[in-house]
Amino acid sequence: MRWDLFCRVIDNYGDVGVGWRLARGLAARGESVRLWIDDASALAWMAPADAPGVEVGAFDAAAEPGDVVVETFGCDPPAAFVAAMRGRRPVWVNLEYLSAEGYVERSHGLPSPQPGGLTKWFFFPGFTPGGLLREPGLLAQRAAFDRSAWLARLGLSLNPGERAVSLFSYANPALPALLDLLAAQPTLLLLTAGTVQAQMAAVQSLPSGLRTAALPWLTQDDYDRLLWVSDINFVRGEDSLVRAIWAGAPFVWQIYPQHDDAHAAKLQAFLDRFPALPGLDGLWRGWNGLAPGRFALPDSAAWQAACLAWRDTLARQPDLVSALQAFVANAGRKTDPLC
């Protein structure tokens, strides 16, 4: 089928990151995909090789609808395109934000009648119904990965007894506390391009035992491998959270901050689903500015085991692309969607 994916880049790179992974995943499974995006500039470094079966176009240039229309994160296709949909009547899906909150199970798969006889279906990625983006064979690639060789490509190597930690975050006032915490053990801190390196530039001196490496802008595939290289991953937003889960290493999530502190409940909902681990709540809440004082790292062996166990549990569920294809096929037969 021909799929039209719509994406508006609000800020940062999570919107385009999810949109591109979804487009590439659908095309890899035989679908024809047009990704309509209002700012494709990040794809120059995120996906420089393009992907077979994916066509990228300007958001407002979309004209003739295909078989399936997916709006990512409620971005609403152009009005003229929606008007054209009334004659074509494609399956229309709103792919929502990832959340661990209870409303996801209640809302996933619900229809929303639209003017002109159209129906928009709500599809939620998640840890139960909608699944997470995961390419076929991803975990096998992870198992066969050679981290020393990948680091060597960047001119890097680990010293004896040194751990690797990746840092991808929004500007965070807790950064000095984190640097002190990591310096308790010899650590190579791998700094992603952009906000992290800009904030680190203001650090006057590093604590003893900590060294840093500034990374170039990484493709999506190389960002995945950065997470595979690292013993601990600090990630932010939605796309990198999912990739950290599949990496199977200990990770800390910085949730997108909201002015009304709604992110606090969202963070707690995620922690409530994660295997119970002493110290993890305090670390995550401290890194997100939701708990006062200093924070500590959980026991490394228990943390690693919990991450691997949860990853393997989630990997037994259908991935998002498979679940979305099944959902669309069912909705296209005008029966109740798979929920």
C-alpha atoms as a PDB file:
ATOM      1  CA  MET A   1       0.000   0.000   0.000  1.00  0.00           C
ATOM      2  CA  ARG A   2       0.978   3.635  -0.346  1.00  0.00           C
ATOM      3  CA  TRP A   3       1.422   5.309   3.020  1.00  0.00           C
ATOM      4  CA  ASP A   4       1.490   9.082   3.589  1.00  0.00           C
ATOM      5  CA  LEU A   5       3.302   9.996   6.814  1.00  0.00           C
ATOM      6  CA  PHE A   6       3.071  13.562   8.112  1.00  0.00           C
ATOM      7  CA  CYS A   7       5.550  15.077  10.539  1.00  0.00           C
ATOM      8  CA  ARG A   8       5.981  18.569  11.959  1.00  0.00           C
ATOM      9  CA  VAL A   9       9.266  19.279  13.711  1.00  0.00           C
ATOM     10  CA  ILE A  10       8.332  21.110  16.910  1.00  0.00           C
ATOM     11  CA  ASP A  11      11.816  21.270  18.418  1.00  0.00           C
ATOM     12  CA  ASN A  12      14.835  19.046  18.969  1.00  0.00           C
ATOM     13  CA  TYR A  13      14.980  15.921  16.763  1.00  0.00           C
ATOM     14  CA  GLY A  14      12.561  13.430  18.290  1.00  0.00           C
ATOM     15  CA  ASP A  15       9.697  14.132  15.879  1.00  0.00           C
ATOM     16  CA  VAL A  16      11.749  13.602  12.736  1.00  0.00           C
ATOM     17  CA  GLY A  17      13.583  10.697  14.392  1.00  0.00           C
ATOM     18  CA  VAL A  18      10.389   8.766  15.038  1.00  0.00           C
ATOM     19  CA  GLY A  19       8.959   9.737  11.639  1.00  0.00           C
ATOM     20  CA  TRP A  20      12.026   8.515   9.777  1.00  0.00           C
ATOM     21  CA  ARG A  21      12.323   5.248  11.705  1.00  0.00           C
ATOM     22  CA  LEU A  22       8.652   4.541  11.027  1.00  0.00           C
ATOM     23  CA  ALA A  23       8.974   5.372   7.319  1.00  0.00           C
ATOM     24  CA  ARG A  24      12.082   3.254   6.943  1.00  0.00           C
ATOM     25  CA  GLY A  25      10.507   0.376   8.870  1.00  0.00           C
ATOM     26  CA  LEU A  26       7.380   0.351   6.716  1.00  0.00           C
ATOM     27  CA  ALA A  27       9.384   0.506   3.486  1.00  0.00           C
ATOM     28  CA  ALA A  28      11.622  -2.363   4.635  1.00  0.00           C
ATOM     29  CA  ARG A  29       8.478  -4.497   4.890  1.00  0.00           C
ATOM     30  CA  GLY A  30       7.308  -3.763   1.371  1.00  0.00           C
ATOM     31  CA  GLU A  31       5.178  -0.654   1.826  1.00  0.00           C
ATOM     32  CA  SER A  32       5.519   2.442  -0.372  1.00  0.00           C
ATOM     33  CA  VAL A  33       6.049   5.467   1.867  1.00  0.00           C
ATOM     34  CA  ARG A  34       5.910   9.228   1.380  1.00  0.00           C
ATOM     35  CA  LEU A  35       7.183  11.215   4.355  1.00  0.00           C
ATOM     36  CA  TRP A  36       5.784  14.749   4.299  1.00  0.00           C
ATOM     37  CA  ILE A  37       7.799  16.915   6.677  1.00  0.00           C
ATOM     38  CA  ASP A  38       8.040  20.653   7.312  1.00  0.00           C
ATOM     39  CA  ASP A  39      11.765  20.620   8.140  1.00  0.00           C
ATOM     40  CA  ALA A  40      13.834  17.783   6.725  1.00  0.00           C
ATOM     41  CA  SER A  41      17.217  19.388   7.473  1.00  0.00           C
ATOM     42  CA  ALA A  42      18.093  16.906  10.246  1.00  0.00           C
ATOM     43  CA  LEU A  43      17.823  14.015   7.791  1.00  0.00           C
ATOM     44  CA  ALA A  44      21.040  15.245   6.163  1.00  0.00           C
ATOM     45  CA  TRP A  45      23.018  13.787   9.092  1.00  0.00           C
ATOM     46  CA  MET A  46      20.426  11.455  10.599  1.00  0.00           C
ATOM     47  CA  ALA A  47      19.789   9.478   7.401  1.00  0.00           C
ATOM     48  CA  PRO A  48      22.280  10.631   4.729  1.00  0.00           C
ATOM     49  CA  ALA A  49      21.882   7.415   2.718  1.00  0.00           C
ATOM     50  CA  ASP A  50      18.086   7.759   2.415  1.00  0.00           C
ATOM     51  CA  ALA A  51      16.125   4.486   2.387  1.00  0.00           C
ATOM     52  CA  PRO A  52      14.705   2.384  -0.476  1.00  0.00           C
ATOM     53  CA  GLY A  53      10.957   2.843  -0.799  1.00  0.00           C
ATOM     54  CA  VAL A  54      10.826   6.167   1.088  1.00  0.00           C
ATOM     55  CA  GLU A  55      10.112   9.472  -0.662  1.00  0.00           C
ATOM     56  CA  VAL A  56      10.546  12.711   1.296  1.00  0.00           C
ATOM     57  CA  GLY A  57       8.493  15.782   0.423  1.00  0.00           C
ATOM     58  CA  ALA A  58       7.587  19.186   1.830  1.00  0.00           C
ATOM     59  CA  PHE A  59       4.676  19.062   4.289  1.00  0.00           C
ATOM     60  CA  ASP A  60       2.417  21.458   2.353  1.00  0.00           C
ATOM     61  CA  ALA A  61       3.190  19.838  -1.017  1.00  0.00           C
ATOM     62  CA  ALA A  62       1.158  16.701  -0.268  1.00  0.00           C
ATOM     63  CA  ALA A  63      -1.690  16.430  -2.773  1.00  0.00           C
ATOM     64  CA  GLU A  64      -3.141  13.054  -3.774  1.00  0.00           C
ATOM     65  CA  PRO A  65      -3.730  10.727  -0.789  1.00  0.00           C
ATOM     66  CA  GLY A  66      -2.624   7.119  -0.860  1.00  0.00           C
ATOM     67  CA  ASP A  67      -4.117   4.153   0.982  1.00  0.00           C
ATOM     68  CA  VAL A  68      -3.025   5.077   4.515  1.00  0.00           C
ATOM     69  CA  VAL A  69      -2.484   8.460   6.139  1.00  0.00           C
ATOM     70  CA  VAL A  70      -0.497   8.626   9.374  1.00  0.00           C
ATOM     71  CA  GLU A  71      -0.173  11.910  11.211  1.00  0.00           C
ATOM     72  CA  THR A  72       2.537  11.735  13.825  1.00  0.00           C
ATOM     73  CA  PHE A  73       1.782  13.298  17.192  1.00  0.00           C
ATOM     74  CA  GLY A  74      -1.467  14.956  16.087  1.00  0.00           C
ATOM     75  CA  CYS A  75       0.189  17.234  13.531  1.00  0.00           C
ATOM     76  CA  ASP A  76      -2.919  17.394  11.246  1.00  0.00           C
ATOM     77  CA  PRO A  77      -2.315  17.062   7.471  1.00  0.00           C
ATOM     78  CA  PRO A  78      -2.852  20.172   5.304  1.00  0.00           C
ATOM     79  CA  ALA A  79      -6.523  21.129   4.880  1.00  0.00           C
ATOM     80  CA  ALA A  80      -6.421  20.636   1.092  1.00  0.00           C
ATOM     81  CA  PHE A  81      -5.016  17.137   1.549  1.00  0.00           C
ATOM     82  CA  VAL A  82      -7.741  16.252   4.068  1.00  0.00           C
ATOM     83  CA  ALA A  83     -10.360  17.508   1.602  1.00  0.00           C
ATOM     84  CA  ALA A  84      -8.912  15.191  -1.042  1.00  0.00           C
ATOM     85  CA  MET A  85      -9.107  12.312   1.441  1.00  0.00           C
ATOM     86  CA  ARG A  86     -12.914  12.516   1.383  1.00  0.00           C
ATOM     87  CA  GLY A  87     -12.954  11.093  -2.117  1.00  0.00           C
ATOM     88  CA  ARG A  88     -10.225   8.534  -1.542  1.00  0.00           C
ATOM     89  CA  ARG A  89     -11.180   7.514   2.042  1.00  0.00           C
ATOM     90  CA  PRO A  90      -7.794   6.170   3.161  1.00  0.00           C
ATOM     91  CA  VAL A  91      -7.272   4.669   6.600  1.00  0.00           C
ATOM     92  CA  TRP A  92      -6.374   7.710   8.742  1.00  0.00           C
ATOM     93  CA  VAL A  93      -4.252   7.131  11.846  1.00  0.00           C
ATOM     94  CA  ASN A  94      -3.041   9.531  14.503  1.00  0.00           C
ATOM     95  CA  LEU A  95       0.187   8.012  15.860  1.00  0.00           C
ATOM     96  CA  GLU A  96       0.365   9.452  19.357  1.00  0.00           C
ATOM     97  CA  TYR A  97       3.231  10.098  21.752  1.00  0.00           C
ATOM     98  CA  LEU A  98       4.727   7.245  23.720  1.00  0.00           C
ATOM     99  CA  SER A  99       3.439   7.021  27.279  1.00  0.00           C
ATOM    100  CA  ALA A 100       3.317   4.461  30.077  1.00  0.00           C
ATOM    101  CA  GLU A 101       0.204   6.026  31.619  1.00  0.00           C
ATOM    102  CA  GLY A 102      -2.990   4.051  32.104  1.00  0.00           C
ATOM    103  CA  TYR A 103      -5.032   6.023  29.570  1.00  0.00           C
ATOM    104  CA  VAL A 104      -3.019   4.445  26.742  1.00  0.00           C
ATOM    105  CA  GLU A 105      -4.769   1.087  27.079  1.00  0.00           C
ATOM    106  CA  ARG A 106      -8.163   2.812  27.276  1.00  0.00           C
ATOM    107  CA  SER A 107      -7.563   5.067  24.260  1.00  0.00           C
ATOM    108  CA  HIS A 108      -5.616   2.845  21.882  1.00  0.00           C
ATOM    109  CA  GLY A 109      -7.644   1.965  18.794  1.00  0.00           C
ATOM    110  CA  LEU A 110     -10.504   4.395  19.406  1.00  0.00           C
ATOM    111  CA  PRO A 111     -12.155   6.038  16.369  1.00  0.00           C
ATOM    112  CA  SER A 112     -12.735   9.772  16.015  1.00  0.00           C
ATOM    113  CA  PRO A 113     -15.404  10.729  13.416  1.00  0.00           C
ATOM    114  CA  GLN A 114     -14.263  13.604  11.199  1.00  0.00           C
ATOM    115  CA  PRO A 115     -16.138  15.952   8.816  1.00  0.00           C
ATOM    116  CA  GLY A 116     -16.936  14.541   5.395  1.00  0.00           C
ATOM    117  CA  GLY A 117     -17.495  11.010   6.613  1.00  0.00           C
ATOM    118  CA  LEU A 118     -13.871  10.326   7.482  1.00  0.00           C
ATOM    119  CA  THR A 119     -12.675   8.493  10.574  1.00  0.00           C
ATOM    120  CA  LYS A 120      -9.400   9.085  12.357  1.00  0.00           C
ATOM    121  CA  TRP A 121      -8.084   6.200  14.460  1.00  0.00           C
ATOM    122  CA  PHE A 122      -5.911   6.751  17.533  1.00  0.00           C
ATOM    123  CA  PHE A 123      -2.872   4.486  17.694  1.00  0.00           C
ATOM    124  CA  PHE A 124      -0.623   4.606  20.752  1.00  0.00           C
ATOM    125  CA  PRO A 125       2.873   3.170  20.791  1.00  0.00           C
ATOM    126  CA  GLY A 126       3.506   1.674  24.176  1.00  0.00           C
ATOM    127  CA  PHE A 127       4.595  -1.063  26.473  1.00  0.00           C
ATOM    128  CA  THR A 128       1.401  -3.092  26.058  1.00  0.00           C
ATOM    129  CA  PRO A 129      -0.908  -2.446  23.079  1.00  0.00           C
ATOM    130  CA  GLY A 130       0.869  -0.601  20.272  1.00  0.00           C
ATOM    131  CA  GLY A 131       4.426  -1.824  20.622  1.00  0.00           C
ATOM    132  CA  LEU A 132       7.739  -0.017  20.151  1.00  0.00           C
ATOM    133  CA  LEU A 133       9.714   0.664  16.997  1.00  0.00           C
ATOM    134  CA  ARG A 134      12.078  -2.284  16.524  1.00  0.00           C
ATOM    135  CA  GLU A 135      13.637  -3.477  13.297  1.00  0.00           C
ATOM    136  CA  PRO A 136      13.743  -7.230  12.522  1.00  0.00           C
ATOM    137  CA  GLY A 137      17.076  -8.678  13.597  1.00  0.00           C
ATOM    138  CA  LEU A 138      17.977  -5.698  15.791  1.00  0.00           C
ATOM    139  CA  LEU A 139      18.738  -7.724  18.910  1.00  0.00           C
ATOM    140  CA  ALA A 140      20.840 -10.198  16.915  1.00  0.00           C
ATOM    141  CA  GLN A 141      22.889  -7.263  15.593  1.00  0.00           C
ATOM    142  CA  ARG A 142      23.251  -6.036  19.147  1.00  0.00           C
ATOM    143  CA  ALA A 143      24.529  -9.409  20.327  1.00  0.00           C
ATOM    144  CA  ALA A 144      27.173  -9.539  17.560  1.00  0.00           C
ATOM    145  CA  PHE A 145      28.374  -5.963  18.050  1.00  0.00           C
ATOM    146  CA  ASP A 146      32.088  -5.212  18.548  1.00  0.00           C
ATOM    147  CA  ARG A 147      32.314  -2.073  20.637  1.00  0.00           C
ATOM    148  CA  SER A 148      36.108  -1.745  20.469  1.00  0.00           C
ATOM    149  CA  ALA A 149      35.999  -1.674  16.673  1.00  0.00           C
ATOM    150  CA  TRP A 150      33.241   0.957  16.658  1.00  0.00           C
ATOM    151  CA  LEU A 151      35.112   3.173  19.102  1.00  0.00           C
ATOM    152  CA  ALA A 152      38.262   2.795  17.017  1.00  0.00           C
ATOM    153  CA  ARG A 153      36.403   4.210  14.004  1.00  0.00           C
ATOM    154  CA  LEU A 154      36.072   7.433  16.015  1.00  0.00           C
ATOM    155  CA  GLY A 155      39.667   7.341  17.184  1.00  0.00           C
ATOM    156  CA  LEU A 156      38.654   6.309  20.707  1.00  0.00           C
ATOM    157  CA  SER A 157      39.413   3.464  23.064  1.00  0.00           C
ATOM    158  CA  LEU A 158      38.712   2.601  26.675  1.00  0.00           C
ATOM    159  CA  ASN A 159      41.480   2.548  29.241  1.00  0.00           C
ATOM    160  CA  PRO A 160      41.799  -0.569  31.436  1.00  0.00           C
ATOM    161  CA  GLY A 161      39.040  -0.561  34.053  1.00  0.00           C
ATOM    162  CA  GLU A 162      37.253   2.366  32.444  1.00  0.00           C
ATOM    163  CA  ARG A 163      33.537   2.394  31.649  1.00  0.00           C
ATOM    164  CA  ALA A 164      31.801   4.222  28.799  1.00  0.00           C
ATOM    165  CA  VAL A 165      28.794   6.464  29.483  1.00  0.00           C
ATOM    166  CA  SER A 166      26.811   8.242  26.758  1.00  0.00           C
ATOM    167  CA  LEU A 167      25.143  11.583  27.452  1.00  0.00           C
ATOM    168  CA  PHE A 168      22.251  12.875  25.344  1.00  0.00           C
ATOM    169  CA  SER A 169      20.155  15.386  27.269  1.00  0.00           C
ATOM    170  CA  TYR A 170      18.355  18.685  27.327  1.00  0.00           C
ATOM    171  CA  ALA A 171      20.133  21.495  29.189  1.00  0.00           C
ATOM    172  CA  ASN A 172      20.190  20.228  32.756  1.00  0.00           C
ATOM    173  CA  PRO A 173      21.207  22.072  35.954  1.00  0.00           C
ATOM    174  CA  ALA A 174      22.000  18.690  37.525  1.00  0.00           C
ATOM    175  CA  LEU A 175      24.962  18.190  35.154  1.00  0.00           C
ATOM    176  CA  PRO A 176      27.681  19.149  37.719  1.00  0.00           C
ATOM    177  CA  ALA A 177      26.247  16.653  40.220  1.00  0.00           C
ATOM    178  CA  LEU A 178      26.251  13.973  37.514  1.00  0.00           C
ATOM    179  CA  LEU A 179      29.895  14.647  36.629  1.00  0.00           C
ATOM    180  CA  ASP A 180      30.907  14.276  40.270  1.00  0.00           C
ATOM    181  CA  LEU A 181      28.906  11.063  40.526  1.00  0.00           C
ATOM    182  CA  LEU A 182      30.450   9.500  37.417  1.00  0.00           C
ATOM    183  CA  ALA A 183      33.977  10.477  38.481  1.00  0.00           C
ATOM    184  CA  ALA A 184      33.783   8.006  41.386  1.00  0.00           C
ATOM    185  CA  GLN A 185      34.790   5.358  38.825  1.00  0.00           C
ATOM    186  CA  PRO A 186      37.096   5.839  35.807  1.00  0.00           C
ATOM    187  CA  THR A 187      34.703   6.936  33.068  1.00  0.00           C
ATOM    188  CA  LEU A 188      34.855   7.970  29.423  1.00  0.00           C
ATOM    189  CA  LEU A 189      31.870  10.293  28.936  1.00  0.00           C
ATOM    190  CA  LEU A 190      30.715  10.302  25.309  1.00  0.00           C
ATOM    191  CA  LEU A 191      29.076  13.643  24.533  1.00  0.00           C
ATOM    192  CA  THR A 192      26.499  13.842  21.752  1.00  0.00           C
ATOM    193  CA  ALA A 193      26.572  16.855  19.433  1.00  0.00           C
ATOM    194  CA  GLY A 194      24.389  19.877  20.159  1.00  0.00           C
ATOM    195  CA  THR A 195      23.002  20.816  23.565  1.00  0.00           C
ATOM    196  CA  VAL A 196      25.219  18.493  25.609  1.00  0.00           C
ATOM    197  CA  GLN A 197      28.468  19.771  24.142  1.00  0.00           C
ATOM    198  CA  ALA A 198      27.297  23.366  24.467  1.00  0.00           C
ATOM    199  CA  GLN A 199      26.546  22.895  28.171  1.00  0.00           C
ATOM    200  CA  MET A 200      29.800  21.030  28.785  1.00  0.00           C
ATOM    201  CA  ALA A 201      31.735  23.923  27.230  1.00  0.00           C
ATOM    202  CA  ALA A 202      30.806  25.986  30.295  1.00  0.00           C
ATOM    203  CA  VAL A 203      32.303  23.435  32.721  1.00  0.00           C
ATOM    204  CA  GLN A 204      35.512  24.922  34.107  1.00  0.00           C
ATOM    205  CA  SER A 205      37.262  21.679  35.032  1.00  0.00           C
ATOM    206  CA  LEU A 206      36.446  17.982  35.067  1.00  0.00           C
ATOM    207  CA  PRO A 207      36.600  15.930  38.251  1.00  0.00           C
ATOM    208  CA  SER A 208      39.553  13.571  38.441  1.00  0.00           C
ATOM    209  CA  GLY A 209      38.734  10.167  37.002  1.00  0.00           C
ATOM    210  CA  LEU A 210      36.492  11.525  34.271  1.00  0.00           C
ATOM    211  CA  ARG A 211      37.426  12.220  30.677  1.00  0.00           C
ATOM    212  CA  THR A 212      35.188  13.257  27.804  1.00  0.00           C
ATOM    213  CA  ALA A 213      34.965  12.803  24.052  1.00  0.00           C
ATOM    214  CA  ALA A 214      32.887  15.117  21.854  1.00  0.00           C
ATOM    215  CA  LEU A 215      31.120  13.105  19.154  1.00  0.00           C
ATOM    216  CA  PRO A 216      30.082  14.301  15.691  1.00  0.00           C
ATOM    217  CA  TRP A 217      26.460  14.290  14.593  1.00  0.00           C
ATOM    218  CA  LEU A 218      25.565  10.610  14.321  1.00  0.00           C
ATOM    219  CA  THR A 219      23.280   8.799  11.914  1.00  0.00           C
ATOM    220  CA  GLN A 220      20.391   6.931  13.505  1.00  0.00           C
ATOM    221  CA  ASP A 221      22.243   3.635  13.079  1.00  0.00           C
ATOM    222  CA  ASP A 222      25.398   5.022  14.654  1.00  0.00           C
ATOM    223  CA  TYR A 223      23.439   6.496  17.540  1.00  0.00           C
ATOM    224  CA  ASP A 224      22.103   2.997  18.208  1.00  0.00           C
ATOM    225  CA  ARG A 225      25.673   1.745  18.260  1.00  0.00           C
ATOM    226  CA  LEU A 226      26.698   4.490  20.661  1.00  0.00           C
ATOM    227  CA  LEU A 227      24.114   3.070  23.051  1.00  0.00           C
ATOM    228  CA  TRP A 228      25.531  -0.423  22.480  1.00  0.00           C
ATOM    229  CA  VAL A 229      29.044   0.837  23.250  1.00  0.00           C
ATOM    230  CA  SER A 230      28.070   2.386  26.567  1.00  0.00           C
ATOM    231  CA  ASP A 231      27.794   0.813  30.005  1.00  0.00           C
ATOM    232  CA  ILE A 232      25.258   3.486  31.026  1.00  0.00           C
ATOM    233  CA  ASN A 233      23.148   5.630  28.683  1.00  0.00           C
ATOM    234  CA  PHE A 234      21.608   8.981  29.544  1.00  0.00           C
ATOM    235  CA  VAL A 235      18.851   9.620  26.995  1.00  0.00           C
ATOM    236  CA  ARG A 236      16.111  12.157  26.432  1.00  0.00           C
ATOM    237  CA  GLY A 237      12.682  12.347  24.797  1.00  0.00           C
ATOM    238  CA  GLU A 238      10.999   9.422  23.042  1.00  0.00           C
ATOM    239  CA  ASP A 239      13.158   8.067  20.236  1.00  0.00           C
ATOM    240  CA  SER A 240      16.371   7.657  22.244  1.00  0.00           C
ATOM    241  CA  LEU A 241      14.453   6.137  25.172  1.00  0.00           C
ATOM    242  CA  VAL A 242      13.200   3.316  22.941  1.00  0.00           C
ATOM    243  CA  ARG A 243      16.674   2.749  21.500  1.00  0.00           C
ATOM    244  CA  ALA A 244      18.136   2.612  25.009  1.00  0.00           C
ATOM    245  CA  ILE A 245      15.618  -0.058  25.946  1.00  0.00           C
ATOM    246  CA  TRP A 246      16.715  -2.226  23.008  1.00  0.00           C
ATOM    247  CA  ALA A 247      20.390  -1.642  23.850  1.00  0.00           C
ATOM    248  CA  GLY A 248      19.836  -3.568  27.080  1.00  0.00           C
ATOM    249  CA  ALA A 249      22.319  -1.484  29.100  1.00  0.00           C
ATOM    250  CA  PRO A 250      21.459   0.559  32.212  1.00  0.00           C
ATOM    251  CA  PHE A 251      19.882   3.869  31.205  1.00  0.00           C
ATOM    252  CA  VAL A 252      18.506   7.080  32.670  1.00  0.00           C
ATOM    253  CA  TRP A 253      15.706   8.948  30.910  1.00  0.00           C
ATOM    254  CA  GLN A 254      15.331  12.717  30.895  1.00  0.00           C
ATOM    255  CA  ILE A 255      11.691  13.280  30.022  1.00  0.00           C
ATOM    256  CA  TYR A 256      10.689  16.351  28.017  1.00  0.00           C
ATOM    257  CA  PRO A 257       9.944  19.005  30.676  1.00  0.00           C
ATOM    258  CA  GLN A 258       6.492  20.629  30.661  1.00  0.00           C
ATOM    259  CA  HIS A 259       5.642  23.944  32.302  1.00  0.00           C
ATOM    260  CA  ASP A 260       2.808  22.475  34.390  1.00  0.00           C
ATOM    261  CA  ASP A 261       4.999  19.606  35.665  1.00  0.00           C
ATOM    262  CA  ALA A 262       2.826  17.069  33.838  1.00  0.00           C
ATOM    263  CA  HIS A 263       6.058  15.273  33.001  1.00  0.00           C
ATOM    264  CA  ALA A 264       6.417  14.219  36.638  1.00  0.00           C
ATOM    265  CA  ALA A 265       3.393  11.914  36.424  1.00  0.00           C
ATOM    266  CA  LYS A 266       4.551  10.588  33.047  1.00  0.00           C
ATOM    267  CA  LEU A 267       7.973   9.767  34.439  1.00  0.00           C
ATOM    268  CA  GLN A 268       6.487   8.011  37.449  1.00  0.00           C
ATOM    269  CA  ALA A 269       4.171   5.969  35.214  1.00  0.00           C
ATOM    270  CA  PHE A 270       7.221   4.684  33.376  1.00  0.00           C
ATOM    271  CA  LEU A 271       9.065   3.882  36.599  1.00  0.00           C
ATOM    272  CA  ASP A 272       6.002   2.001  37.840  1.00  0.00           C
ATOM    273  CA  ARG A 273       6.250  -0.330  34.834  1.00  0.00           C
ATOM    274  CA  PHE A 274       9.993  -0.863  35.100  1.00  0.00           C
ATOM    275  CA  PRO A 275      11.290  -3.683  37.357  1.00  0.00           C
ATOM    276  CA  ALA A 276      11.657  -2.447  40.941  1.00  0.00           C
ATOM    277  CA  LEU A 277      15.257  -1.505  41.676  1.00  0.00           C
ATOM    278  CA  PRO A 278      16.558   0.237  44.831  1.00  0.00           C
ATOM    279  CA  GLY A 279      17.837   3.723  44.073  1.00  0.00           C
ATOM    280  CA  LEU A 280      16.504   3.982  40.519  1.00  0.00           C
ATOM    281  CA  ASP A 281      13.560   6.259  41.323  1.00  0.00           C
ATOM    282  CA  GLY A 282      15.818   8.699  43.170  1.00  0.00           C
ATOM    283  CA  LEU A 283      18.342   8.764  40.320  1.00  0.00           C
ATOM    284  CA  TRP A 284      15.749   9.361  37.637  1.00  0.00           C
ATOM    285  CA  ARG A 285      13.821  11.941  39.635  1.00  0.00           C
ATOM    286  CA  GLY A 286      17.006  13.735  40.620  1.00  0.00           C
ATOM    287  CA  TRP A 287      18.282  13.914  37.039  1.00  0.00           C
ATOM    288  CA  ASN A 288      14.876  15.308  36.020  1.00  0.00           C
ATOM    289  CA  GLY A 289      14.895  17.979  38.740  1.00  0.00           C
ATOM    290  CA  LEU A 290      11.976  16.357  40.558  1.00  0.00           C
ATOM    291  CA  ALA A 291      13.793  15.480  43.767  1.00  0.00           C
ATOM    292  CA  PRO A 292      16.115  17.652  45.855  1.00  0.00           C
ATOM    293  CA  GLY A 293      19.660  16.818  46.817  1.00  0.00           C
ATOM    294  CA  ARG A 294      22.249  14.513  45.314  1.00  0.00           C
ATOM    295  CA  PHE A 295      21.573  11.148  43.712  1.00  0.00           C
ATOM    296  CA  ALA A 296      23.418   7.857  43.375  1.00  0.00           C
ATOM    297  CA  LEU A 297      23.678   5.022  40.886  1.00  0.00           C
ATOM    298  CA  PRO A 298      21.935   1.709  41.632  1.00  0.00           C
ATOM    299  CA  ASP A 299      23.914  -1.493  41.995  1.00  0.00           C
ATOM    300  CA  SER A 300      25.359  -2.043  38.524  1.00  0.00           C
ATOM    301  CA  ALA A 301      24.768  -5.809  38.295  1.00  0.00           C
ATOM    302  CA  ALA A 302      21.150  -5.566  39.469  1.00  0.00           C
ATOM    303  CA  TRP A 303      20.546  -2.605  37.150  1.00  0.00           C
ATOM    304  CA  GLN A 304      21.958  -4.467  34.163  1.00  0.00           C
ATOM    305  CA  ALA A 305      19.878  -7.551  34.922  1.00  0.00           C
ATOM    306  CA  ALA A 306      16.687  -5.493  35.247  1.00  0.00           C
ATOM    307  CA  CYS A 307      17.274  -3.749  31.906  1.00  0.00           C
ATOM    308  CA  LEU A 308      17.934  -7.015  30.093  1.00  0.00           C
ATOM    309  CA  ALA A 309      14.904  -8.711  31.622  1.00  0.00           C
ATOM    310  CA  TRP A 310      12.596  -5.846  30.680  1.00  0.00           C
ATOM    311  CA  ARG A 311      14.032  -5.627  27.169  1.00  0.00           C
ATOM    312  CA  ASP A 312      13.461  -9.330  26.614  1.00  0.00           C
ATOM    313  CA  THR A 313       9.885  -9.056  27.890  1.00  0.00           C
ATOM    314  CA  LEU A 314       9.120  -6.198  25.501  1.00  0.00           C
ATOM    315  CA  ALA A 315      10.814  -8.004  22.609  1.00  0.00           C
ATOM    316  CA  ARG A 316       8.263 -10.808  22.897  1.00  0.00           C
ATOM    317  CA  GLN A 317       5.504  -8.358  21.969  1.00  0.00           C
ATOM    318  CA  PRO A 318       4.763  -7.266  18.380  1.00  0.00           C
ATOM    319  CA  ASP A 319       6.860  -4.296  17.305  1.00  0.00           C
ATOM    320  CA  LEU A 320       5.127  -1.044  16.380  1.00  0.00           C
ATOM    321  CA  VAL A 321       5.374  -1.433  12.596  1.00  0.00           C
ATOM    322  CA  SER A 322       3.898  -4.940  12.697  1.00  0.00           C
ATOM    323  CA  ALA A 323       1.124  -3.818  15.044  1.00  0.00           C
ATOM    324  CA  LEU A 324       0.364  -0.778  12.901  1.00  0.00           C
ATOM    325  CA  GLN A 325       0.201  -2.810   9.689  1.00  0.00           C
ATOM    326  CA  ALA A 326      -2.238  -5.249  11.308  1.00  0.00           C
ATOM    327  CA  PHE A 327      -4.292  -2.395  12.718  1.00  0.00           C
ATOM    328  CA  VAL A 328      -4.551  -0.668   9.332  1.00  0.00           C
ATOM    329  CA  ALA A 329      -5.485  -3.880   7.530  1.00  0.00           C
ATOM    330  CA  ASN A 330      -8.251  -4.478  10.042  1.00  0.00           C
ATOM    331  CA  ALA A 331      -9.532  -0.893   9.943  1.00  0.00           C
ATOM    332  CA  GLY A 332      -9.503  -1.052   6.137  1.00  0.00           C
ATOM    333  CA  ARG A 333     -11.964  -3.945   6.254  1.00  0.00           C
ATOM    334  CA  LYS A 334     -14.299  -1.637   8.219  1.00  0.00           C
ATOM    335  CA  THR A 335     -14.352  -3.874  11.256  1.00  0.00           C
ATOM    336  CA  ASP A 336     -13.393  -3.053  14.809  1.00  0.00           C
ATOM    337  CA  PRO A 337      -9.639  -2.349  14.917  1.00  0.00           C
ATOM    338  CA  LEU A 338      -7.245  -4.521  16.827  1.00  0.00           C
ATOM    339  CA  CYS A 339      -6.930  -3.105  20.330  1.00  0.00           C
END
